[in-house]
Amino acid sequence: MNRSARIDSEKQLDLEGSKSESVQGRTAMALAHLHRIDSEGNMARLYCIDVAATLFGDVSVLRTWGRIGTHGRTSIETCASVEEAERAASHTLRQKMRRGYLPAGQMVPPDLAV
């Protein structure tokens, strides 16, 4: 995937609009809610990336993943600054998009897919 296509895919998720808001004063900021569904392989997965301020002034990147319909697993990475947290979240988002995850609102229901 070339650089311009990667930038276009990030703009589709409206990631830039989410970045302009500050995390300070907010409890959480959802960056992405992704799904990867393959009915032939019996796969229905979700991946959520959130950025949240901690009580101690740091910022955390919360990653939740698992099978759709379950509680899944959660990982928390604490960062010293908002920029560092956003950089870590963007890196994870790019990785998941390369693996075939799409924003939950853009998924086509399996019965409508041809």
N, C-alpha and C. Protein backbone atom coordinates (compact mmCIF):
# COMPACT_ATOMS: atom_id res chain seq x y z
N MET A 1 0.86 -1.17 0.00
CA MET A 1 0.00 0.00 0.00
C MET A 1 0.90 1.23 0.00
N ASN A 2 0.67 2.15 -0.94
CA ASN A 2 1.51 3.33 -0.99
C ASN A 2 1.06 4.36 0.04
N ARG A 3 1.87 5.39 0.21
CA ARG A 3 1.64 6.37 1.27
C ARG A 3 0.34 7.14 1.08
N SER A 4 0.00 7.54 -0.15
CA SER A 4 -1.22 8.32 -0.38
C SER A 4 -2.47 7.48 -0.11
N ALA A 5 -2.45 6.19 -0.43
CA ALA A 5 -3.61 5.33 -0.14
C ALA A 5 -3.78 5.15 1.36
N ARG A 6 -2.65 5.06 2.08
CA ARG A 6 -2.72 4.91 3.54
C ARG A 6 -3.29 6.17 4.17
N ILE A 7 -2.89 7.34 3.68
CA ILE A 7 -3.41 8.60 4.20
C ILE A 7 -4.90 8.72 3.91
N ASP A 8 -5.34 8.30 2.72
CA ASP A 8 -6.76 8.34 2.37
C ASP A 8 -7.57 7.44 3.29
N SER A 9 -7.06 6.25 3.62
CA SER A 9 -7.81 5.34 4.49
C SER A 9 -7.93 5.91 5.89
N GLU A 10 -6.93 6.64 6.37
CA GLU A 10 -7.02 7.27 7.68
C GLU A 10 -8.05 8.38 7.67
N LYS A 11 -8.14 9.12 6.56
CA LYS A 11 -9.13 10.19 6.48
C LYS A 11 -10.54 9.64 6.45
N GLN A 12 -10.72 8.43 5.89
CA GLN A 12 -12.03 7.81 5.87
C GLN A 12 -12.55 7.58 7.28
N LEU A 13 -11.66 7.29 8.20
CA LEU A 13 -12.06 7.03 9.58
C LEU A 13 -12.28 8.31 10.37
N ASP A 14 -12.02 9.47 9.77
CA ASP A 14 -12.14 10.75 10.43
C ASP A 14 -11.25 10.81 11.66
N LEU A 15 -10.09 10.20 11.54
CA LEU A 15 -9.14 10.19 12.64
C LEU A 15 -8.61 11.59 12.90
N GLU A 16 -8.41 12.35 11.86
CA GLU A 16 -7.88 13.70 12.03
C GLU A 16 -8.84 14.57 12.82
N GLY A 17 -10.14 14.44 12.62
CA GLY A 17 -11.12 15.21 13.38
C GLY A 17 -11.10 14.84 14.84
N SER A 18 -10.88 13.58 15.15
CA SER A 18 -10.81 13.14 16.54
C SER A 18 -9.55 13.65 17.22
N LYS A 19 -8.46 13.76 16.46
CA LYS A 19 -7.20 14.18 17.05
C LYS A 19 -7.25 15.65 17.47
N SER A 20 -8.03 16.48 16.80
CA SER A 20 -8.02 17.90 17.09
C SER A 20 -8.60 18.21 18.47
N GLU A 21 -9.42 17.34 19.02
CA GLU A 21 -9.96 17.55 20.34
C GLU A 21 -8.95 17.10 21.38
N SER A 22 -8.87 17.83 22.48
CA SER A 22 -7.93 17.47 23.54
C SER A 22 -8.52 16.39 24.44
N VAL A 23 -7.68 15.51 24.90
CA VAL A 23 -8.11 14.46 25.81
C VAL A 23 -8.28 15.01 27.22
N GLN A 24 -7.54 16.07 27.54
CA GLN A 24 -7.62 16.64 28.88
C GLN A 24 -9.05 17.11 29.14
N GLY A 25 -9.59 16.74 30.29
CA GLY A 25 -10.95 17.13 30.64
C GLY A 25 -12.00 16.16 30.14
N ARG A 26 -11.61 15.18 29.38
CA ARG A 26 -12.54 14.17 28.88
C ARG A 26 -12.19 12.84 29.51
N THR A 27 -13.18 12.01 29.70
CA THR A 27 -12.90 10.70 30.29
C THR A 27 -12.42 9.72 29.23
N ALA A 28 -12.93 9.79 28.01
CA ALA A 28 -12.49 8.88 26.96
C ALA A 28 -12.80 9.49 25.60
N MET A 29 -12.01 9.09 24.61
CA MET A 29 -12.22 9.55 23.25
C MET A 29 -12.07 8.33 22.35
N ALA A 30 -13.16 7.90 21.75
CA ALA A 30 -13.12 6.72 20.89
C ALA A 30 -12.51 7.10 19.56
N LEU A 31 -11.42 6.45 19.21
CA LEU A 31 -10.79 6.70 17.93
C LEU A 31 -11.35 5.80 16.85
N ALA A 32 -11.55 4.53 17.20
CA ALA A 32 -12.02 3.60 16.17
C ALA A 32 -12.72 2.40 16.80
N HIS A 33 -13.75 1.95 16.11
CA HIS A 33 -14.45 0.71 16.45
C HIS A 33 -14.46 -0.09 15.15
N LEU A 34 -13.60 -1.12 15.09
CA LEU A 34 -13.38 -1.87 13.85
C LEU A 34 -13.96 -3.27 13.94
N HIS A 35 -14.38 -3.79 12.79
CA HIS A 35 -14.86 -5.17 12.69
C HIS A 35 -14.14 -5.88 11.56
N ARG A 36 -13.99 -7.17 11.72
CA ARG A 36 -13.47 -8.02 10.64
C ARG A 36 -14.34 -9.27 10.63
N ILE A 37 -15.14 -9.42 9.58
CA ILE A 37 -16.10 -10.51 9.49
C ILE A 37 -15.83 -11.33 8.24
N ASP A 38 -15.72 -12.64 8.43
CA ASP A 38 -15.55 -13.58 7.33
C ASP A 38 -16.42 -14.78 7.65
N SER A 39 -17.58 -14.86 7.01
CA SER A 39 -18.53 -15.92 7.32
C SER A 39 -18.00 -17.30 6.90
N GLU A 40 -17.21 -17.36 5.84
CA GLU A 40 -16.66 -18.65 5.40
C GLU A 40 -15.67 -19.21 6.41
N GLY A 41 -14.91 -18.35 7.05
CA GLY A 41 -13.93 -18.78 8.04
C GLY A 41 -14.46 -18.75 9.46
N ASN A 42 -15.77 -18.50 9.63
CA ASN A 42 -16.41 -18.41 10.94
C ASN A 42 -15.68 -17.39 11.83
N MET A 43 -15.37 -16.23 11.24
CA MET A 43 -14.67 -15.19 11.97
C MET A 43 -15.54 -13.94 12.07
N ALA A 44 -15.71 -13.45 13.29
CA ALA A 44 -16.42 -12.21 13.54
C ALA A 44 -15.70 -11.53 14.69
N ARG A 45 -14.76 -10.65 14.36
CA ARG A 45 -13.91 -10.03 15.38
C ARG A 45 -14.14 -8.53 15.45
N LEU A 46 -13.84 -7.99 16.63
CA LEU A 46 -13.91 -6.55 16.83
C LEU A 46 -12.61 -6.06 17.41
N TYR A 47 -12.32 -4.80 17.19
CA TYR A 47 -11.14 -4.16 17.76
C TYR A 47 -11.50 -2.70 18.01
N CYS A 48 -11.40 -2.26 19.25
CA CYS A 48 -11.70 -0.88 19.61
C CYS A 48 -10.44 -0.22 20.14
N ILE A 49 -10.22 1.02 19.74
CA ILE A 49 -9.09 1.81 20.21
C ILE A 49 -9.65 3.09 20.80
N ASP A 50 -9.32 3.36 22.07
CA ASP A 50 -9.77 4.55 22.78
C ASP A 50 -8.57 5.23 23.40
N VAL A 51 -8.67 6.54 23.59
CA VAL A 51 -7.67 7.31 24.31
C VAL A 51 -8.37 7.96 25.49
N ALA A 52 -7.83 7.80 26.70
CA ALA A 52 -8.47 8.32 27.90
C ALA A 52 -7.45 8.95 28.83
N ALA A 53 -7.85 10.02 29.50
CA ALA A 53 -7.00 10.65 30.50
C ALA A 53 -7.06 9.84 31.79
N THR A 54 -5.91 9.76 32.48
CA THR A 54 -5.87 9.05 33.76
C THR A 54 -6.04 10.07 34.89
N LEU A 55 -6.19 9.58 36.10
CA LEU A 55 -6.34 10.46 37.27
C LEU A 55 -5.05 11.19 37.62
N PHE A 56 -3.92 10.70 37.11
CA PHE A 56 -2.63 11.26 37.47
C PHE A 56 -2.04 12.17 36.40
N GLY A 57 -2.83 12.56 35.42
CA GLY A 57 -2.38 13.47 34.39
C GLY A 57 -1.77 12.82 33.17
N ASP A 58 -1.63 11.51 33.18
CA ASP A 58 -1.13 10.81 32.01
C ASP A 58 -2.28 10.52 31.05
N VAL A 59 -1.95 9.93 29.94
CA VAL A 59 -2.97 9.55 28.96
C VAL A 59 -2.78 8.07 28.65
N SER A 60 -3.89 7.33 28.56
CA SER A 60 -3.83 5.90 28.28
C SER A 60 -4.46 5.58 26.95
N VAL A 61 -3.88 4.59 26.28
CA VAL A 61 -4.47 4.03 25.06
C VAL A 61 -5.10 2.71 25.47
N LEU A 62 -6.41 2.59 25.31
CA LEU A 62 -7.13 1.38 25.65
C LEU A 62 -7.44 0.63 24.37
N ARG A 63 -7.03 -0.63 24.33
CA ARG A 63 -7.31 -1.48 23.18
C ARG A 63 -8.16 -2.65 23.65
N THR A 64 -9.30 -2.84 23.01
CA THR A 64 -10.19 -3.95 23.34
C THR A 64 -10.39 -4.78 22.08
N TRP A 65 -10.26 -6.09 22.19
CA TRP A 65 -10.40 -6.97 21.04
C TRP A 65 -11.03 -8.28 21.45
N GLY A 66 -11.58 -8.97 20.46
CA GLY A 66 -12.16 -10.28 20.72
C GLY A 66 -13.23 -10.61 19.70
N ARG A 67 -13.96 -11.66 19.98
CA ARG A 67 -15.05 -12.09 19.11
C ARG A 67 -16.26 -11.20 19.36
N ILE A 68 -16.96 -10.83 18.31
CA ILE A 68 -18.15 -10.00 18.44
C ILE A 68 -19.18 -10.77 19.28
N GLY A 69 -19.74 -10.08 20.26
CA GLY A 69 -20.72 -10.69 21.15
C GLY A 69 -20.15 -11.13 22.48
N THR A 70 -18.81 -11.01 22.66
CA THR A 70 -18.18 -11.36 23.92
C THR A 70 -17.60 -10.09 24.54
N HIS A 71 -17.14 -10.21 25.78
CA HIS A 71 -16.51 -9.07 26.45
C HIS A 71 -15.11 -8.81 25.90
N GLY A 72 -14.47 -9.83 25.39
CA GLY A 72 -13.15 -9.69 24.81
C GLY A 72 -12.08 -9.43 25.85
N ARG A 73 -10.94 -8.96 25.38
CA ARG A 73 -9.80 -8.66 26.25
C ARG A 73 -9.46 -7.19 26.11
N THR A 74 -8.82 -6.63 27.13
CA THR A 74 -8.45 -5.22 27.11
C THR A 74 -7.00 -5.06 27.51
N SER A 75 -6.32 -4.16 26.80
CA SER A 75 -4.94 -3.81 27.10
C SER A 75 -4.88 -2.31 27.32
N ILE A 76 -4.13 -1.87 28.33
CA ILE A 76 -3.99 -0.44 28.62
C ILE A 76 -2.51 -0.08 28.54
N GLU A 77 -2.21 0.93 27.74
CA GLU A 77 -0.84 1.45 27.61
C GLU A 77 -0.86 2.90 28.08
N THR A 78 -0.08 3.23 29.09
CA THR A 78 -0.05 4.59 29.62
C THR A 78 1.08 5.37 28.96
N CYS A 79 0.74 6.56 28.49
CA CYS A 79 1.70 7.42 27.81
C CYS A 79 1.85 8.73 28.58
N ALA A 80 2.97 9.41 28.40
CA ALA A 80 3.24 10.64 29.12
C ALA A 80 2.52 11.85 28.52
N SER A 81 2.23 11.82 27.22
CA SER A 81 1.60 12.97 26.57
C SER A 81 0.48 12.52 25.63
N VAL A 82 -0.37 13.46 25.28
CA VAL A 82 -1.46 13.19 24.36
C VAL A 82 -0.92 12.81 22.99
N GLU A 83 0.14 13.50 22.55
CA GLU A 83 0.72 13.22 21.24
C GLU A 83 1.26 11.80 21.16
N GLU A 84 1.93 11.37 22.23
CA GLU A 84 2.48 10.01 22.27
C GLU A 84 1.36 8.97 22.23
N ALA A 85 0.27 9.23 22.95
CA ALA A 85 -0.86 8.30 22.96
C ALA A 85 -1.52 8.24 21.59
N GLU A 86 -1.70 9.39 20.96
CA GLU A 86 -2.30 9.41 19.63
C GLU A 86 -1.42 8.72 18.60
N ARG A 87 -0.11 8.87 18.74
CA ARG A 87 0.82 8.20 17.84
C ARG A 87 0.72 6.68 17.99
N ALA A 88 0.64 6.20 19.24
CA ALA A 88 0.51 4.76 19.48
C ALA A 88 -0.82 4.24 18.95
N ALA A 89 -1.90 5.00 19.16
CA ALA A 89 -3.22 4.58 18.67
C ALA A 89 -3.26 4.56 17.15
N SER A 90 -2.67 5.56 16.50
CA SER A 90 -2.64 5.61 15.04
C SER A 90 -1.84 4.45 14.47
N HIS A 91 -0.75 4.09 15.12
CA HIS A 91 0.08 2.96 14.67
C HIS A 91 -0.74 1.66 14.72
N THR A 92 -1.45 1.44 15.82
CA THR A 92 -2.28 0.25 15.94
C THR A 92 -3.40 0.25 14.91
N LEU A 93 -4.00 1.41 14.69
CA LEU A 93 -5.07 1.53 13.71
C LEU A 93 -4.58 1.16 12.31
N ARG A 94 -3.41 1.63 11.93
CA ARG A 94 -2.86 1.30 10.62
C ARG A 94 -2.60 -0.20 10.50
N GLN A 95 -2.07 -0.81 11.57
CA GLN A 95 -1.84 -2.26 11.54
C GLN A 95 -3.13 -3.03 11.31
N LYS A 96 -4.17 -2.68 12.02
CA LYS A 96 -5.44 -3.40 11.92
C LYS A 96 -6.09 -3.19 10.55
N MET A 97 -5.96 -2.00 9.99
CA MET A 97 -6.52 -1.74 8.66
C MET A 97 -5.80 -2.59 7.62
N ARG A 98 -4.48 -2.77 7.77
CA ARG A 98 -3.73 -3.62 6.84
C ARG A 98 -4.18 -5.07 6.94
N ARG A 99 -4.63 -5.50 8.10
CA ARG A 99 -5.08 -6.89 8.29
C ARG A 99 -6.52 -7.12 7.87
N GLY A 100 -7.21 -6.08 7.42
CA GLY A 100 -8.55 -6.27 6.89
C GLY A 100 -9.68 -5.78 7.77
N TYR A 101 -9.38 -5.16 8.90
CA TYR A 101 -10.43 -4.59 9.74
C TYR A 101 -10.98 -3.33 9.08
N LEU A 102 -12.28 -3.12 9.20
CA LEU A 102 -12.95 -1.96 8.65
C LEU A 102 -13.77 -1.29 9.74
N PRO A 103 -14.05 0.02 9.60
CA PRO A 103 -14.92 0.67 10.58
C PRO A 103 -16.27 -0.04 10.65
N ALA A 104 -16.82 -0.17 11.84
CA ALA A 104 -18.05 -0.94 12.06
C ALA A 104 -19.20 -0.43 11.20
N GLY A 105 -19.29 0.85 10.96
CA GLY A 105 -20.37 1.41 10.15
C GLY A 105 -20.24 1.12 8.67
N GLN A 106 -19.05 0.72 8.21
CA GLN A 106 -18.84 0.47 6.78
C GLN A 106 -18.93 -1.00 6.42
N MET A 107 -19.19 -1.85 7.40
CA MET A 107 -19.28 -3.29 7.12
C MET A 107 -20.57 -3.60 6.37
N VAL A 108 -20.47 -4.49 5.41
CA VAL A 108 -21.63 -4.95 4.65
C VAL A 108 -22.15 -6.23 5.33
N PRO A 109 -23.46 -6.28 5.66
CA PRO A 109 -23.99 -7.50 6.26
C PRO A 109 -23.74 -8.70 5.35
N PRO A 110 -23.39 -9.87 5.94
CA PRO A 110 -23.04 -11.05 5.13
C PRO A 110 -24.13 -11.46 4.16
N ASP A 111 -25.39 -11.25 4.50
CA ASP A 111 -26.47 -11.66 3.60
C ASP A 111 -26.59 -10.75 2.39
N LEU A 112 -26.01 -9.54 2.45
CA LEU A 112 -26.06 -8.61 1.31
C LEU A 112 -24.81 -8.69 0.45
N ALA A 113 -23.75 -9.28 0.97
CA ALA A 113 -22.50 -9.39 0.21
C ALA A 113 -22.66 -10.37 -0.92
N VAL A 114 -22.10 -10.02 -2.09
CA VAL A 114 -22.19 -10.88 -3.26
C VAL A 114 -20.86 -11.46 -3.59
